[in-house]
Amino acid sequence: MGRRSTRLIAGLLGAALAACSPQAGADRATAPTEDASEATTHPVSGLEIIPVTVDTGEARHVFRAEVAASREEQARGLMFRTELGPDEAMIFPSETPTARSFYMKNTPIPLDIIFIGVDGRILNIAAMTEPYSLESVYSVGSTSGVLEIAGGRAEELGIEPGDLVSW
């Protein structure tokens, strides 16, 4: 038997012993199974998912938000997506606070686009944006981020300018 075969057998034997150890078995038995609500990356976009909380003063709403961090991810946003659950969102953090504008190019679902000020409070909301529209919607000041949620959801939840957003 050659060196390569000996190393292969030793590696396989080591993996088998590790898999049979009580600690490894205990970890597998107690580890929760990952479902869509526990995923840390979105199955369609591949983006990281984080909790984003909107505090209205009357209630707290937590969204599972995909993080569009890079310029490319922000340019694509929710384009081509045909659904967005009631507690799903996409967050567009701003590296440098600046006024922002968005449009709905190639976006087939209506969205509420929430512009978040540098103090974490909602500046303004472009509600029920028109799918596929090339007309831009604008923030009313410098933003630390923008949150997109399903169209009509902000009104349904009582989310308004002045509410606090954290992520």
Protein backbone atom coordinates (compact mmCIF):
# COMPACT_ATOMS: atom_id res chain seq x y z
CA MET A 1 0.00 0.00 0.00
CA GLY A 2 1.35 3.45 -0.93
CA ARG A 3 1.57 6.59 1.20
CA ARG A 4 -1.45 8.13 -0.49
CA SER A 5 -3.62 5.07 0.31
CA THR A 6 -2.40 4.98 3.91
CA ARG A 7 -3.24 8.69 4.41
CA LEU A 8 -6.67 8.19 2.85
CA ILE A 9 -7.49 5.24 5.13
CA ALA A 10 -6.19 7.10 8.20
CA GLY A 11 -8.29 10.15 7.30
CA LEU A 12 -11.42 8.05 6.81
CA LEU A 13 -10.81 6.16 10.05
CA GLY A 14 -10.35 9.46 11.95
CA ALA A 15 -13.56 10.87 10.49
CA ALA A 16 -15.46 7.71 11.41
CA LEU A 17 -14.16 7.81 15.01
CA ALA A 18 -15.03 11.50 15.36
CA ALA A 19 -18.53 10.86 14.04
CA CYS A 20 -19.02 8.08 16.59
CA SER A 21 -17.84 10.07 19.58
CA PRO A 22 -20.53 10.87 22.19
CA GLN A 23 -19.93 14.64 21.90
CA ALA A 24 -20.43 14.70 18.13
CA GLY A 25 -23.57 12.59 18.42
CA ALA A 26 -24.92 14.77 21.22
CA ASP A 27 -24.40 17.91 19.14
CA ARG A 28 -26.27 16.46 16.20
CA ALA A 29 -29.12 15.24 18.37
CA THR A 30 -29.66 18.58 20.09
CA ALA A 31 -28.94 20.94 17.20
CA PRO A 32 -32.15 22.51 15.90
CA THR A 33 -33.05 21.85 12.31
CA GLU A 34 -32.85 24.95 10.17
CA ASP A 35 -36.06 25.97 8.46
CA ALA A 36 -36.86 29.06 6.41
CA SER A 37 -37.73 31.12 9.51
CA GLU A 38 -34.33 30.35 11.11
CA ALA A 39 -32.15 30.72 8.01
CA THR A 40 -29.28 33.18 8.19
CA THR A 41 -29.12 33.64 4.41
CA HIS A 42 -32.04 34.11 2.05
CA PRO A 43 -32.66 31.12 -0.27
CA VAL A 44 -33.30 33.31 -3.33
CA SER A 45 -30.86 36.23 -2.95
CA GLY A 46 -28.19 34.52 -0.86
CA LEU A 47 -28.01 37.69 1.26
CA GLU A 48 -27.52 37.65 5.02
CA ILE A 49 -30.76 37.92 7.02
CA ILE A 50 -30.87 40.04 10.17
CA PRO A 51 -33.67 41.23 12.45
CA VAL A 52 -34.81 44.81 11.88
CA THR A 53 -37.13 46.28 14.50
CA VAL A 54 -39.57 49.14 14.03
CA ASP A 55 -40.81 50.63 17.30
CA THR A 56 -43.96 52.70 16.82
CA GLY A 57 -44.27 53.61 20.50
CA GLU A 58 -47.41 51.46 20.62
CA ALA A 59 -45.90 48.25 19.24
CA ARG A 60 -42.64 46.67 18.10
CA HIS A 61 -42.52 44.96 14.72
CA VAL A 62 -39.60 42.69 13.84
CA PHE A 63 -38.81 41.98 10.20
CA ARG A 64 -36.43 39.33 8.85
CA ALA A 65 -34.45 41.58 6.55
CA GLU A 66 -32.02 40.68 3.80
CA VAL A 67 -29.00 42.97 3.97
CA ALA A 68 -28.14 44.61 0.65
CA ALA A 69 -24.68 45.78 1.69
CA SER A 70 -22.68 46.14 -1.52
CA ARG A 71 -23.31 48.58 -4.36
CA GLU A 72 -24.32 45.66 -6.61
CA GLU A 73 -26.71 44.19 -4.03
CA GLN A 74 -28.30 47.58 -3.50
CA ALA A 75 -28.67 48.15 -7.26
CA ARG A 76 -30.49 44.82 -7.62
CA GLY A 77 -32.60 45.15 -4.47
CA LEU A 78 -35.86 43.23 -4.81
CA MET A 79 -35.87 43.26 -8.62
CA PHE A 80 -37.52 40.23 -10.22
CA ARG A 81 -38.90 39.01 -6.87
CA THR A 82 -42.51 37.90 -7.11
CA GLU A 83 -43.25 37.68 -3.40
CA LEU A 84 -42.28 39.17 -0.07
CA GLY A 85 -43.80 37.78 3.12
CA PRO A 86 -45.53 40.02 5.66
CA ASP A 87 -42.54 39.95 8.03
CA GLU A 88 -39.82 39.91 5.37
CA ALA A 89 -37.87 42.96 4.28
CA MET A 90 -34.68 44.22 2.68
CA ILE A 91 -32.43 46.75 4.40
CA PHE A 92 -30.10 49.07 2.46
CA PRO A 93 -27.61 50.52 4.96
CA SER A 94 -25.81 53.73 3.98
CA GLU A 95 -22.06 53.85 4.60
CA THR A 96 -22.18 57.62 4.54
CA PRO A 97 -25.44 59.39 5.40
CA THR A 98 -26.88 60.90 2.25
CA ALA A 99 -30.21 61.63 0.58
CA ARG A 100 -31.44 58.52 -1.23
CA SER A 101 -33.77 57.75 -4.13
CA PHE A 102 -35.25 54.47 -5.30
CA TYR A 103 -37.34 53.27 -8.22
CA MET A 104 -39.20 50.08 -9.03
CA LYS A 105 -37.45 48.99 -12.23
CA ASN A 106 -37.99 45.24 -12.77
CA THR A 107 -39.81 44.95 -9.44
CA PRO A 108 -43.17 43.19 -9.95
CA ILE A 109 -44.56 43.67 -6.42
CA PRO A 110 -45.62 46.90 -4.67
CA LEU A 111 -43.38 47.96 -1.80
CA ASP A 112 -43.38 50.40 1.08
CA ILE A 113 -39.99 52.13 0.94
CA ILE A 114 -39.07 53.46 4.37
CA PHE A 115 -36.32 56.10 4.56
CA ILE A 116 -34.48 56.04 7.90
CA GLY A 117 -32.73 59.16 9.19
CA VAL A 118 -29.32 59.32 10.81
CA ASP A 119 -31.01 59.27 14.25
CA GLY A 120 -32.69 55.93 13.40
CA ARG A 121 -36.13 57.51 13.03
CA ILE A 122 -38.26 57.19 9.92
CA LEU A 123 -38.02 60.33 7.77
CA ASN A 124 -40.68 59.42 5.23
CA ILE A 125 -42.39 56.44 3.60
CA ALA A 126 -43.07 55.95 -0.10
CA ALA A 127 -46.13 53.72 0.35
CA MET A 128 -47.44 51.21 -2.17
CA THR A 129 -44.90 52.05 -4.85
CA GLU A 130 -46.02 51.13 -8.33
CA PRO A 131 -44.48 47.92 -9.72
CA TYR A 132 -42.07 48.43 -12.63
CA SER A 133 -42.22 52.24 -12.30
CA LEU A 134 -39.11 54.18 -13.33
CA GLU A 135 -40.28 57.21 -11.34
CA SER A 136 -37.95 57.82 -8.40
CA VAL A 137 -39.10 58.22 -4.80
CA TYR A 138 -36.88 60.29 -2.52
CA SER A 139 -35.90 60.63 1.12
CA VAL A 140 -36.65 63.99 2.73
CA GLY A 141 -33.16 64.16 4.22
CA SER A 142 -29.96 62.20 4.81
CA THR A 143 -30.50 58.53 5.58
CA SER A 144 -28.62 55.90 7.54
CA GLY A 145 -30.57 53.25 5.66
CA VAL A 146 -33.66 52.33 3.71
CA LEU A 147 -36.07 49.51 4.57
CA GLU A 148 -38.32 47.90 1.97
CA ILE A 149 -41.34 45.93 3.14
CA ALA A 150 -44.41 44.53 1.39
CA GLY A 151 -46.64 47.26 -0.04
CA GLY A 152 -49.34 48.41 2.37
CA ARG A 153 -47.69 46.76 5.36
CA ALA A 154 -46.55 50.06 6.96
CA GLU A 155 -50.12 51.37 7.08
CA GLU A 156 -51.42 48.01 8.27
CA LEU A 157 -48.94 48.02 11.19
CA GLY A 158 -49.28 51.73 11.98
CA ILE A 159 -45.68 52.48 10.98
CA GLU A 160 -45.18 56.22 10.45
CA PRO A 161 -42.52 58.92 10.16
CA GLY A 162 -40.84 59.43 13.53
CA ASP A 163 -40.94 55.72 14.46
CA LEU A 164 -37.60 54.22 15.55
CA VAL A 165 -35.85 51.61 13.38
CA SER A 166 -32.94 49.52 14.63
CA TRP A 167 -30.79 46.77 13.15
